[in-house]
Amino acid sequence: MIIVKLMGGLGNQMFQYAAGRGLSIKNNVELKFDLTHLLDRSPSLSIVFRDYDLDVFPGIGAFAATNDEISALFKIAPARALHQKISRKILPTKNYLKEKSFRFDERFKKAGANVYLDGYWQSEKYFSAIVQIIRKDFEFSPLSGHANFALLDNIKSANSVCLNVRRGDFVSHAGSSGFHGFKGLDYINNAVLHIGNKISDPHFFIFSDDIEWCRENIVLQHPVTIVDHLHAGKKFVDYLQLMTACNHFIIPNSSFAWWAAWFNQNPDKIVVAPQLWFTDPLIDTSDLIPLSWFRL
């Protein structure tokens, strides 16, 4: 059995699911979720509380692991003494695989049939062998409402560019803003300039968790449609589907936007992503962004 710890919002949970799914198929075993972290509402200044979001995809078939199933994999065992002075040290067992960094973890290739995955696993490399299965698992339900279908027609009839602006806790929450940081107007304007020099007649569709900020601050010399949250749908899944339908993408340091760009199968798509995914320039994210995307 593969058990994957779910944490973060929808985009993060999709990465965690995809990694777990890849490992479960490789070993021909069942995939289950550990929802403990999502359900925990203990007071914390460092955590932004999230819910289980993968239920927006009707094709997701994994189930919540029981406490006994989690305990069977996520347990501790005595390790060998490092020196005579150290008689015992407690470490996780070989069945517990915790992500060490944001680079692809080579230990993943050797992981067996009974593993607890603890990490974000933000790289296509974790599921590159089952890309079509992941696309199938993450198929969308039909859009909700006539307004969304009309907007979808507008997106498909234009040389559409998805411009996603992520603010929310990246601005308001001290922990998130300090670690992730908001990609502001300099990044947005430079990315728009890059796209504008590459394609003709771009029409920018702005998707954001802070619509008012976008209305007040983003001024482009191109046609613009700001997509109101009336188009968001359940847990913003309609937003994600509409974003995916665009021809080209300017994404912030957001896993949600990453998936929108990744879903799109236009062979000529241009995707602009931040050079710095986190505020710390020493965090290596070279495996996070596909090589065909442009980092700015």
C-alpha atoms as a PDB file:
ATOM      1  CA  MET A   1       0.000   0.000   0.000  1.00  0.00           C
ATOM      2  CA  ILE A   2       1.130   3.541  -0.789  1.00  0.00           C
ATOM      3  CA  ILE A   3      -0.091   6.207   1.637  1.00  0.00           C
ATOM      4  CA  VAL A   4       0.452   9.836   0.692  1.00  0.00           C
ATOM      5  CA  LYS A   5       0.203  12.672   3.176  1.00  0.00           C
ATOM      6  CA  LEU A   6      -2.066  15.404   1.801  1.00  0.00           C
ATOM      7  CA  MET A   7      -1.338  19.024   2.694  1.00  0.00           C
ATOM      8  CA  GLY A   8      -1.738  22.439   1.135  1.00  0.00           C
ATOM      9  CA  GLY A   9      -4.353  23.569  -1.349  1.00  0.00           C
ATOM     10  CA  LEU A  10      -5.696  21.903  -4.480  1.00  0.00           C
ATOM     11  CA  GLY A  11      -2.538  22.316  -6.566  1.00  0.00           C
ATOM     12  CA  ASN A  12      -0.329  20.834  -3.857  1.00  0.00           C
ATOM     13  CA  GLN A  13      -2.707  17.932  -3.293  1.00  0.00           C
ATOM     14  CA  MET A  14      -2.640  17.213  -7.031  1.00  0.00           C
ATOM     15  CA  PHE A  15       1.153  16.904  -6.968  1.00  0.00           C
ATOM     16  CA  GLN A  16       0.983  14.617  -3.932  1.00  0.00           C
ATOM     17  CA  TYR A  17      -1.688  12.475  -5.546  1.00  0.00           C
ATOM     18  CA  ALA A  18       0.241  12.214  -8.829  1.00  0.00           C
ATOM     19  CA  ALA A  19       3.418  11.056  -7.071  1.00  0.00           C
ATOM     20  CA  GLY A  20       1.525   8.520  -4.998  1.00  0.00           C
ATOM     21  CA  ARG A  21      -0.396   7.297  -8.027  1.00  0.00           C
ATOM     22  CA  GLY A  22       2.814   6.765  -9.965  1.00  0.00           C
ATOM     23  CA  LEU A  23       4.342   4.726  -7.160  1.00  0.00           C
ATOM     24  CA  SER A  24       1.179   2.691  -6.606  1.00  0.00           C
ATOM     25  CA  ILE A  25       0.938   1.762 -10.297  1.00  0.00           C
ATOM     26  CA  LYS A  26       4.639   0.884 -10.475  1.00  0.00           C
ATOM     27  CA  ASN A  27       4.232  -1.515  -7.548  1.00  0.00           C
ATOM     28  CA  ASN A  28       0.668  -2.625  -8.375  1.00  0.00           C
ATOM     29  CA  VAL A  29      -0.654  -1.728  -4.948  1.00  0.00           C
ATOM     30  CA  GLU A  30      -3.465   0.404  -3.539  1.00  0.00           C
ATOM     31  CA  LEU A  31      -3.129   4.165  -3.004  1.00  0.00           C
ATOM     32  CA  LYS A  32      -4.613   5.801   0.074  1.00  0.00           C
ATOM     33  CA  PHE A  33      -4.532   9.281   1.638  1.00  0.00           C
ATOM     34  CA  ASP A  34      -3.469  10.417   5.079  1.00  0.00           C
ATOM     35  CA  LEU A  35      -5.857  13.300   5.818  1.00  0.00           C
ATOM     36  CA  THR A  36      -4.555  13.928   9.347  1.00  0.00           C
ATOM     37  CA  HIS A  37      -2.744  17.156   8.459  1.00  0.00           C
ATOM     38  CA  LEU A  38      -5.763  18.586   6.614  1.00  0.00           C
ATOM     39  CA  LEU A  39      -8.142  17.768   9.453  1.00  0.00           C
ATOM     40  CA  ASP A  40      -5.909  19.223  12.172  1.00  0.00           C
ATOM     41  CA  ARG A  41      -7.191  22.603  13.336  1.00  0.00           C
ATOM     42  CA  SER A  42      -4.801  23.101  16.244  1.00  0.00           C
ATOM     43  CA  PRO A  43      -3.974  26.814  16.608  1.00  0.00           C
ATOM     44  CA  SER A  44      -0.894  27.704  14.566  1.00  0.00           C
ATOM     45  CA  LEU A  45       0.675  30.897  13.255  1.00  0.00           C
ATOM     46  CA  SER A  46       2.656  29.073  10.568  1.00  0.00           C
ATOM     47  CA  ILE A  47      -0.094  27.037   8.895  1.00  0.00           C
ATOM     48  CA  VAL A  48      -2.861  28.154   6.523  1.00  0.00           C
ATOM     49  CA  PHE A  49      -5.682  25.684   7.113  1.00  0.00           C
ATOM     50  CA  ARG A  50      -6.793  23.723   4.046  1.00  0.00           C
ATOM     51  CA  ASP A  51      -9.475  21.167   3.227  1.00  0.00           C
ATOM     52  CA  TYR A  52      -9.512  18.003   1.168  1.00  0.00           C
ATOM     53  CA  ASP A  53      -9.955  19.304  -2.388  1.00  0.00           C
ATOM     54  CA  LEU A  54      -9.389  16.350  -4.711  1.00  0.00           C
ATOM     55  CA  ASP A  55     -13.107  15.547  -4.641  1.00  0.00           C
ATOM     56  CA  VAL A  56     -13.550  18.121  -7.441  1.00  0.00           C
ATOM     57  CA  PHE A  57     -12.258  15.433  -9.812  1.00  0.00           C
ATOM     58  CA  PRO A  58     -14.750  12.586 -10.342  1.00  0.00           C
ATOM     59  CA  GLY A  59     -11.958  10.268 -11.503  1.00  0.00           C
ATOM     60  CA  ILE A  60     -10.029  10.254  -8.221  1.00  0.00           C
ATOM     61  CA  GLY A  61     -10.406   6.817  -6.689  1.00  0.00           C
ATOM     62  CA  ALA A  62      -8.076   6.743  -3.685  1.00  0.00           C
ATOM     63  CA  PHE A  63      -9.443   6.455  -0.167  1.00  0.00           C
ATOM     64  CA  ALA A  64      -8.545   7.745   3.283  1.00  0.00           C
ATOM     65  CA  ALA A  65      -6.144   5.488   5.164  1.00  0.00           C
ATOM     66  CA  THR A  66      -7.093   4.279   8.620  1.00  0.00           C
ATOM     67  CA  ASN A  67      -4.990   5.065  11.676  1.00  0.00           C
ATOM     68  CA  ASP A  68      -3.820   1.456  11.782  1.00  0.00           C
ATOM     69  CA  GLU A  69      -2.742   1.544   8.131  1.00  0.00           C
ATOM     70  CA  ILE A  70      -0.838   4.774   8.701  1.00  0.00           C
ATOM     71  CA  SER A  71       0.816   3.416  11.846  1.00  0.00           C
ATOM     72  CA  ALA A  72       1.986   0.311   9.969  1.00  0.00           C
ATOM     73  CA  LEU A  73       4.119   2.463   7.630  1.00  0.00           C
ATOM     74  CA  PHE A  74       4.740   5.664   9.568  1.00  0.00           C
ATOM     75  CA  LYS A  75       6.521   4.350  12.598  1.00  0.00           C
ATOM     76  CA  ILE A  76       9.901   4.633  14.267  1.00  0.00           C
ATOM     77  CA  ALA A  77      12.651   2.121  14.938  1.00  0.00           C
ATOM     78  CA  PRO A  78      16.025   2.167  16.687  1.00  0.00           C
ATOM     79  CA  ALA A  79      18.985   2.924  14.443  1.00  0.00           C
ATOM     80  CA  ARG A  80      22.598   1.835  14.874  1.00  0.00           C
ATOM     81  CA  ALA A  81      24.738   3.840  17.262  1.00  0.00           C
ATOM     82  CA  LEU A  82      26.797   6.433  15.440  1.00  0.00           C
ATOM     83  CA  HIS A  83      29.531   6.333  18.091  1.00  0.00           C
ATOM     84  CA  GLN A  84      30.104   4.659  21.419  1.00  0.00           C
ATOM     85  CA  LYS A  85      28.655   7.753  23.090  1.00  0.00           C
ATOM     86  CA  ILE A  86      25.321   7.361  21.306  1.00  0.00           C
ATOM     87  CA  SER A  87      23.488   4.249  22.349  1.00  0.00           C
ATOM     88  CA  ARG A  88      20.260   4.813  20.464  1.00  0.00           C
ATOM     89  CA  LYS A  89      18.780   7.212  17.964  1.00  0.00           C
ATOM     90  CA  ILE A  90      15.189   7.122  16.784  1.00  0.00           C
ATOM     91  CA  LEU A  91      14.663   7.456  13.030  1.00  0.00           C
ATOM     92  CA  PRO A  92      11.784   6.736  10.627  1.00  0.00           C
ATOM     93  CA  THR A  93      11.735   3.266   9.061  1.00  0.00           C
ATOM     94  CA  LYS A  94      12.526   2.558   5.421  1.00  0.00           C
ATOM     95  CA  ASN A  95       8.770   2.593   4.755  1.00  0.00           C
ATOM     96  CA  TYR A  96       8.658   6.333   5.467  1.00  0.00           C
ATOM     97  CA  LEU A  97       9.924   8.540   2.613  1.00  0.00           C
ATOM     98  CA  LYS A  98      10.191  12.215   3.504  1.00  0.00           C
ATOM     99  CA  GLU A  99      11.073  14.667   0.746  1.00  0.00           C
ATOM    100  CA  LYS A 100      14.479  16.257   1.341  1.00  0.00           C
ATOM    101  CA  SER A 101      14.247  19.213  -1.045  1.00  0.00           C
ATOM    102  CA  PHE A 102      12.367  20.522  -4.078  1.00  0.00           C
ATOM    103  CA  ARG A 103      14.704  18.633  -6.419  1.00  0.00           C
ATOM    104  CA  PHE A 104      13.592  15.256  -7.729  1.00  0.00           C
ATOM    105  CA  ASP A 105      14.385  12.736  -5.003  1.00  0.00           C
ATOM    106  CA  GLU A 106      16.311   9.803  -6.504  1.00  0.00           C
ATOM    107  CA  ARG A 107      15.192   7.579  -3.600  1.00  0.00           C
ATOM    108  CA  PHE A 108      11.724   7.680  -5.129  1.00  0.00           C
ATOM    109  CA  LYS A 109      12.888   5.362  -7.939  1.00  0.00           C
ATOM    110  CA  LYS A 110      13.739   2.655  -5.436  1.00  0.00           C
ATOM    111  CA  ALA A 111      10.656   3.021  -3.254  1.00  0.00           C
ATOM    112  CA  GLY A 112       8.813  -0.237  -2.783  1.00  0.00           C
ATOM    113  CA  ALA A 113       5.244  -1.407  -2.428  1.00  0.00           C
ATOM    114  CA  ASN A 114       4.661  -0.259   1.160  1.00  0.00           C
ATOM    115  CA  VAL A 115       5.619   3.387   1.553  1.00  0.00           C
ATOM    116  CA  TYR A 116       4.356   6.495   3.331  1.00  0.00           C
ATOM    117  CA  LEU A 117       5.099   9.614   1.249  1.00  0.00           C
ATOM    118  CA  ASP A 118       5.636  12.856   3.180  1.00  0.00           C
ATOM    119  CA  GLY A 119       6.358  15.860   0.977  1.00  0.00           C
ATOM    120  CA  TYR A 120       5.112  18.115  -1.801  1.00  0.00           C
ATOM    121  CA  TRP A 121       6.657  16.164  -4.726  1.00  0.00           C
ATOM    122  CA  GLN A 122       6.405  19.144  -7.061  1.00  0.00           C
ATOM    123  CA  SER A 123       7.918  17.777 -10.242  1.00  0.00           C
ATOM    124  CA  GLU A 124       6.548  16.094 -13.343  1.00  0.00           C
ATOM    125  CA  LYS A 125       9.369  13.573 -12.942  1.00  0.00           C
ATOM    126  CA  TYR A 126       7.424  11.814 -10.186  1.00  0.00           C
ATOM    127  CA  PHE A 127       4.650  10.859 -12.602  1.00  0.00           C
ATOM    128  CA  SER A 128       6.301  11.097 -16.042  1.00  0.00           C
ATOM    129  CA  ALA A 129       5.705   7.390 -16.664  1.00  0.00           C
ATOM    130  CA  ILE A 130       1.934   7.744 -16.258  1.00  0.00           C
ATOM    131  CA  VAL A 131       1.180  11.173 -17.741  1.00  0.00           C
ATOM    132  CA  GLN A 132      -1.902  10.013 -19.625  1.00  0.00           C
ATOM    133  CA  ILE A 133      -3.290   8.280 -16.532  1.00  0.00           C
ATOM    134  CA  ILE A 134      -2.847  11.480 -14.525  1.00  0.00           C
ATOM    135  CA  ARG A 135      -4.597  13.488 -17.234  1.00  0.00           C
ATOM    136  CA  LYS A 136      -7.456  10.978 -17.115  1.00  0.00           C
ATOM    137  CA  ASP A 137      -7.660  11.041 -13.311  1.00  0.00           C
ATOM    138  CA  PHE A 138      -7.801  14.839 -13.333  1.00  0.00           C
ATOM    139  CA  GLU A 139     -10.495  15.157 -15.981  1.00  0.00           C
ATOM    140  CA  PHE A 140     -12.943  17.940 -15.188  1.00  0.00           C
ATOM    141  CA  SER A 141     -16.671  17.688 -14.675  1.00  0.00           C
ATOM    142  CA  PRO A 142     -18.700  19.853 -17.083  1.00  0.00           C
ATOM    143  CA  LEU A 143     -18.519  23.566 -16.395  1.00  0.00           C
ATOM    144  CA  SER A 144     -21.320  24.974 -14.274  1.00  0.00           C
ATOM    145  CA  GLY A 145     -23.570  27.732 -15.631  1.00  0.00           C
ATOM    146  CA  HIS A 146     -24.154  29.355 -19.027  1.00  0.00           C
ATOM    147  CA  ALA A 147     -21.813  32.245 -18.203  1.00  0.00           C
ATOM    148  CA  ASN A 148     -18.864  29.859 -17.963  1.00  0.00           C
ATOM    149  CA  PHE A 149     -19.623  28.314 -21.341  1.00  0.00           C
ATOM    150  CA  ALA A 150     -19.846  31.773 -22.891  1.00  0.00           C
ATOM    151  CA  LEU A 151     -16.514  32.733 -21.320  1.00  0.00           C
ATOM    152  CA  LEU A 152     -14.983  29.474 -22.555  1.00  0.00           C
ATOM    153  CA  ASP A 153     -16.075  30.355 -26.104  1.00  0.00           C
ATOM    154  CA  ASN A 154     -14.436  33.770 -25.742  1.00  0.00           C
ATOM    155  CA  ILE A 155     -11.210  32.180 -24.529  1.00  0.00           C
ATOM    156  CA  LYS A 156     -11.134  29.707 -27.408  1.00  0.00           C
ATOM    157  CA  SER A 157     -11.926  32.320 -30.053  1.00  0.00           C
ATOM    158  CA  ALA A 158      -9.072  34.644 -28.996  1.00  0.00           C
ATOM    159  CA  ASN A 159      -5.298  34.302 -28.888  1.00  0.00           C
ATOM    160  CA  SER A 160      -5.820  33.910 -25.190  1.00  0.00           C
ATOM    161  CA  VAL A 161      -3.224  34.330 -22.475  1.00  0.00           C
ATOM    162  CA  CYS A 162      -3.986  33.203 -18.952  1.00  0.00           C
ATOM    163  CA  LEU A 163      -2.518  35.745 -16.540  1.00  0.00           C
ATOM    164  CA  ASN A 164      -2.815  34.338 -13.042  1.00  0.00           C
ATOM    165  CA  VAL A 165      -2.169  36.633 -10.075  1.00  0.00           C
ATOM    166  CA  ARG A 166      -1.717  34.904  -6.721  1.00  0.00           C
ATOM    167  CA  ARG A 167      -1.991  37.118  -3.639  1.00  0.00           C
ATOM    168  CA  GLY A 168      -4.104  35.852  -0.723  1.00  0.00           C
ATOM    169  CA  ASP A 169      -1.909  34.365   2.008  1.00  0.00           C
ATOM    170  CA  PHE A 170       1.202  35.206  -0.043  1.00  0.00           C
ATOM    171  CA  VAL A 171       0.455  38.795   1.036  1.00  0.00           C
ATOM    172  CA  SER A 172      -1.622  38.537   4.209  1.00  0.00           C
ATOM    173  CA  HIS A 173      -0.023  35.615   6.061  1.00  0.00           C
ATOM    174  CA  ALA A 174       3.402  36.264   7.575  1.00  0.00           C
ATOM    175  CA  GLY A 175       4.650  32.721   7.110  1.00  0.00           C
ATOM    176  CA  SER A 176       3.462  32.359   3.520  1.00  0.00           C
ATOM    177  CA  SER A 177       4.591  35.827   2.443  1.00  0.00           C
ATOM    178  CA  GLY A 178       8.007  35.270   3.955  1.00  0.00           C
ATOM    179  CA  PHE A 179       8.503  31.876   2.310  1.00  0.00           C
ATOM    180  CA  HIS A 180       6.647  32.248  -0.996  1.00  0.00           C
ATOM    181  CA  GLY A 181       6.357  35.978  -1.644  1.00  0.00           C
ATOM    182  CA  PHE A 182       4.041  37.823  -4.018  1.00  0.00           C
ATOM    183  CA  LYS A 183       5.085  38.173  -7.672  1.00  0.00           C
ATOM    184  CA  GLY A 184       4.081  41.790  -8.252  1.00  0.00           C
ATOM    185  CA  LEU A 185       3.764  44.291 -11.064  1.00  0.00           C
ATOM    186  CA  ASP A 186       7.383  44.116 -12.203  1.00  0.00           C
ATOM    187  CA  TYR A 187       7.078  40.405 -12.871  1.00  0.00           C
ATOM    188  CA  ILE A 188       3.623  40.772 -14.430  1.00  0.00           C
ATOM    189  CA  ASN A 189       4.618  43.617 -16.752  1.00  0.00           C
ATOM    190  CA  ASN A 190       7.833  41.914 -17.870  1.00  0.00           C
ATOM    191  CA  ALA A 191       5.981  38.678 -18.533  1.00  0.00           C
ATOM    192  CA  VAL A 192       3.305  40.503 -20.539  1.00  0.00           C
ATOM    193  CA  LEU A 193       6.044  42.197 -22.562  1.00  0.00           C
ATOM    194  CA  HIS A 194       7.674  38.829 -23.248  1.00  0.00           C
ATOM    195  CA  ILE A 195       4.408  37.274 -24.421  1.00  0.00           C
ATOM    196  CA  GLY A 196       3.473  40.369 -26.453  1.00  0.00           C
ATOM    197  CA  ASN A 197       6.760  40.122 -28.351  1.00  0.00           C
ATOM    198  CA  LYS A 198       6.164  36.461 -29.163  1.00  0.00           C
ATOM    199  CA  ILE A 199       2.554  36.293 -30.343  1.00  0.00           C
ATOM    200  CA  SER A 200       0.132  38.457 -32.300  1.00  0.00           C
ATOM    201  CA  ASP A 201      -3.074  39.988 -30.971  1.00  0.00           C
ATOM    202  CA  PRO A 202      -2.909  38.583 -27.437  1.00  0.00           C
ATOM    203  CA  HIS A 203      -6.005  38.797 -25.279  1.00  0.00           C
ATOM    204  CA  PHE A 204      -5.192  38.541 -21.563  1.00  0.00           C
ATOM    205  CA  PHE A 205      -7.638  36.759 -19.296  1.00  0.00           C
ATOM    206  CA  ILE A 206      -6.793  37.635 -15.695  1.00  0.00           C
ATOM    207  CA  PHE A 207      -7.562  35.049 -13.025  1.00  0.00           C
ATOM    208  CA  SER A 208      -6.821  35.965  -9.434  1.00  0.00           C
ATOM    209  CA  ASP A 209      -7.740  35.474  -5.793  1.00  0.00           C
ATOM    210  CA  ASP A 210      -7.714  39.275  -5.492  1.00  0.00           C
ATOM    211  CA  ILE A 211      -9.834  40.668  -8.312  1.00  0.00           C
ATOM    212  CA  GLU A 212     -10.016  44.194  -6.912  1.00  0.00           C
ATOM    213  CA  TRP A 213      -6.252  44.520  -6.715  1.00  0.00           C
ATOM    214  CA  CYS A 214      -6.018  43.473 -10.356  1.00  0.00           C
ATOM    215  CA  ARG A 215      -8.653  46.011 -11.421  1.00  0.00           C
ATOM    216  CA  GLU A 216      -6.825  48.791  -9.618  1.00  0.00           C
ATOM    217  CA  ASN A 217      -3.243  47.950 -10.530  1.00  0.00           C
ATOM    218  CA  ILE A 218      -2.922  46.049 -13.808  1.00  0.00           C
ATOM    219  CA  VAL A 219      -2.985  48.254 -16.901  1.00  0.00           C
ATOM    220  CA  LEU A 220      -2.095  46.566 -20.209  1.00  0.00           C
ATOM    221  CA  GLN A 221      -1.895  47.802 -23.778  1.00  0.00           C
ATOM    222  CA  HIS A 222      -3.825  44.745 -24.931  1.00  0.00           C
ATOM    223  CA  PRO A 223      -7.410  43.505 -24.646  1.00  0.00           C
ATOM    224  CA  VAL A 224      -8.085  42.309 -21.099  1.00  0.00           C
ATOM    225  CA  THR A 225     -10.855  40.296 -19.484  1.00  0.00           C
ATOM    226  CA  ILE A 226     -10.798  40.050 -15.694  1.00  0.00           C
ATOM    227  CA  VAL A 227     -12.492  36.797 -14.737  1.00  0.00           C
ATOM    228  CA  ASP A 228     -14.747  37.399 -11.754  1.00  0.00           C
ATOM    229  CA  HIS A 229     -15.173  34.803  -9.016  1.00  0.00           C
ATOM    230  CA  LEU A 230     -18.712  34.193 -10.245  1.00  0.00           C
ATOM    231  CA  HIS A 231     -16.906  31.878 -12.677  1.00  0.00           C
ATOM    232  CA  ALA A 232     -14.939  30.064  -9.948  1.00  0.00           C
ATOM    233  CA  GLY A 233     -17.175  27.045  -9.361  1.00  0.00           C
ATOM    234  CA  LYS A 234     -16.773  24.572  -6.496  1.00  0.00           C
ATOM    235  CA  LYS A 235     -13.369  25.047  -4.858  1.00  0.00           C
ATOM    236  CA  PHE A 236     -12.324  27.099  -7.911  1.00  0.00           C
ATOM    237  CA  VAL A 237     -12.311  24.056 -10.189  1.00  0.00           C
ATOM    238  CA  ASP A 238     -14.177  25.933 -12.964  1.00  0.00           C
ATOM    239  CA  TYR A 239     -11.533  28.648 -12.691  1.00  0.00           C
ATOM    240  CA  LEU A 240      -8.873  25.983 -13.217  1.00  0.00           C
ATOM    241  CA  GLN A 241     -10.677  24.520 -16.212  1.00  0.00           C
ATOM    242  CA  LEU A 242     -11.115  27.945 -17.833  1.00  0.00           C
ATOM    243  CA  MET A 243      -7.453  28.784 -17.224  1.00  0.00           C
ATOM    244  CA  THR A 244      -6.416  25.539 -18.877  1.00  0.00           C
ATOM    245  CA  ALA A 245      -8.329  26.467 -22.033  1.00  0.00           C
ATOM    246  CA  CYS A 246      -6.075  29.468 -22.745  1.00  0.00           C
ATOM    247  CA  ASN A 247      -3.398  29.246 -25.436  1.00  0.00           C
ATOM    248  CA  HIS A 248      -0.543  30.736 -23.392  1.00  0.00           C
ATOM    249  CA  PHE A 249       0.229  31.310 -19.723  1.00  0.00           C
ATOM    250  CA  ILE A 250       1.810  33.719 -17.281  1.00  0.00           C
ATOM    251  CA  ILE A 251       1.858  31.963 -13.949  1.00  0.00           C
ATOM    252  CA  PRO A 252       2.975  33.092 -10.491  1.00  0.00           C
ATOM    253  CA  ASN A 253       4.691  30.843  -7.935  1.00  0.00           C
ATOM    254  CA  SER A 254       1.499  28.828  -7.581  1.00  0.00           C
ATOM    255  CA  SER A 255       0.983  25.080  -7.929  1.00  0.00           C
ATOM    256  CA  PHE A 256      -2.651  25.758  -8.927  1.00  0.00           C
ATOM    257  CA  ALA A 257      -1.477  27.823 -11.901  1.00  0.00           C
ATOM    258  CA  TRP A 258       1.268  25.272 -12.654  1.00  0.00           C
ATOM    259  CA  TRP A 259      -1.369  22.629 -13.247  1.00  0.00           C
ATOM    260  CA  ALA A 260      -3.434  24.943 -15.467  1.00  0.00           C
ATOM    261  CA  ALA A 261      -0.418  25.456 -17.734  1.00  0.00           C
ATOM    262  CA  TRP A 262       0.563  21.788 -17.612  1.00  0.00           C
ATOM    263  CA  PHE A 263      -2.927  20.562 -18.527  1.00  0.00           C
ATOM    264  CA  ASN A 264      -2.935  22.591 -21.732  1.00  0.00           C
ATOM    265  CA  GLN A 265      -1.676  20.489 -24.645  1.00  0.00           C
ATOM    266  CA  ASN A 266      -1.154  23.251 -27.209  1.00  0.00           C
ATOM    267  CA  PRO A 267       2.260  22.292 -28.701  1.00  0.00           C
ATOM    268  CA  ASP A 268       3.036  25.972 -29.359  1.00  0.00           C
ATOM    269  CA  LYS A 269       2.065  27.285 -25.934  1.00  0.00           C
ATOM    270  CA  ILE A 270       4.296  29.794 -24.198  1.00  0.00           C
ATOM    271  CA  VAL A 271       4.462  29.495 -20.438  1.00  0.00           C
ATOM    272  CA  VAL A 272       6.200  32.180 -18.379  1.00  0.00           C
ATOM    273  CA  ALA A 273       7.044  31.196 -14.812  1.00  0.00           C
ATOM    274  CA  PRO A 274       9.009  32.988 -12.066  1.00  0.00           C
ATOM    275  CA  GLN A 275      12.738  32.411 -11.845  1.00  0.00           C
ATOM    276  CA  LEU A 276      12.402  32.564  -8.060  1.00  0.00           C
ATOM    277  CA  TRP A 277       9.591  30.263  -6.964  1.00  0.00           C
ATOM    278  CA  PHE A 278      10.365  31.006  -3.320  1.00  0.00           C
ATOM    279  CA  THR A 279      11.851  34.063  -1.644  1.00  0.00           C
ATOM    280  CA  ASP A 280      15.014  32.147  -0.790  1.00  0.00           C
ATOM    281  CA  PRO A 281      17.150  32.075  -3.967  1.00  0.00           C
ATOM    282  CA  LEU A 282      19.088  29.062  -2.641  1.00  0.00           C
ATOM    283  CA  ILE A 283      16.059  26.754  -2.925  1.00  0.00           C
ATOM    284  CA  ASP A 284      16.629  24.729  -6.087  1.00  0.00           C
ATOM    285  CA  THR A 285      13.418  24.420  -8.141  1.00  0.00           C
ATOM    286  CA  SER A 286      15.034  23.295 -11.401  1.00  0.00           C
ATOM    287  CA  ASP A 287      12.940  20.099 -11.407  1.00  0.00           C
ATOM    288  CA  LEU A 288       9.702  21.943 -10.697  1.00  0.00           C
ATOM    289  CA  ILE A 289       9.408  23.886 -13.950  1.00  0.00           C
ATOM    290  CA  PRO A 290       9.334  21.930 -17.258  1.00  0.00           C
ATOM    291  CA  LEU A 291      12.284  22.727 -19.515  1.00  0.00           C
ATOM    292  CA  SER A 292      10.048  24.081 -22.286  1.00  0.00           C
ATOM    293  CA  TRP A 293       8.704  26.851 -20.022  1.00  0.00           C
ATOM    294  CA  PHE A 294      10.396  30.245 -19.844  1.00  0.00           C
ATOM    295  CA  ARG A 295      11.584  31.467 -16.448  1.00  0.00           C
ATOM    296  CA  LEU A 296      11.647  35.203 -15.823  1.00  0.00           C
END
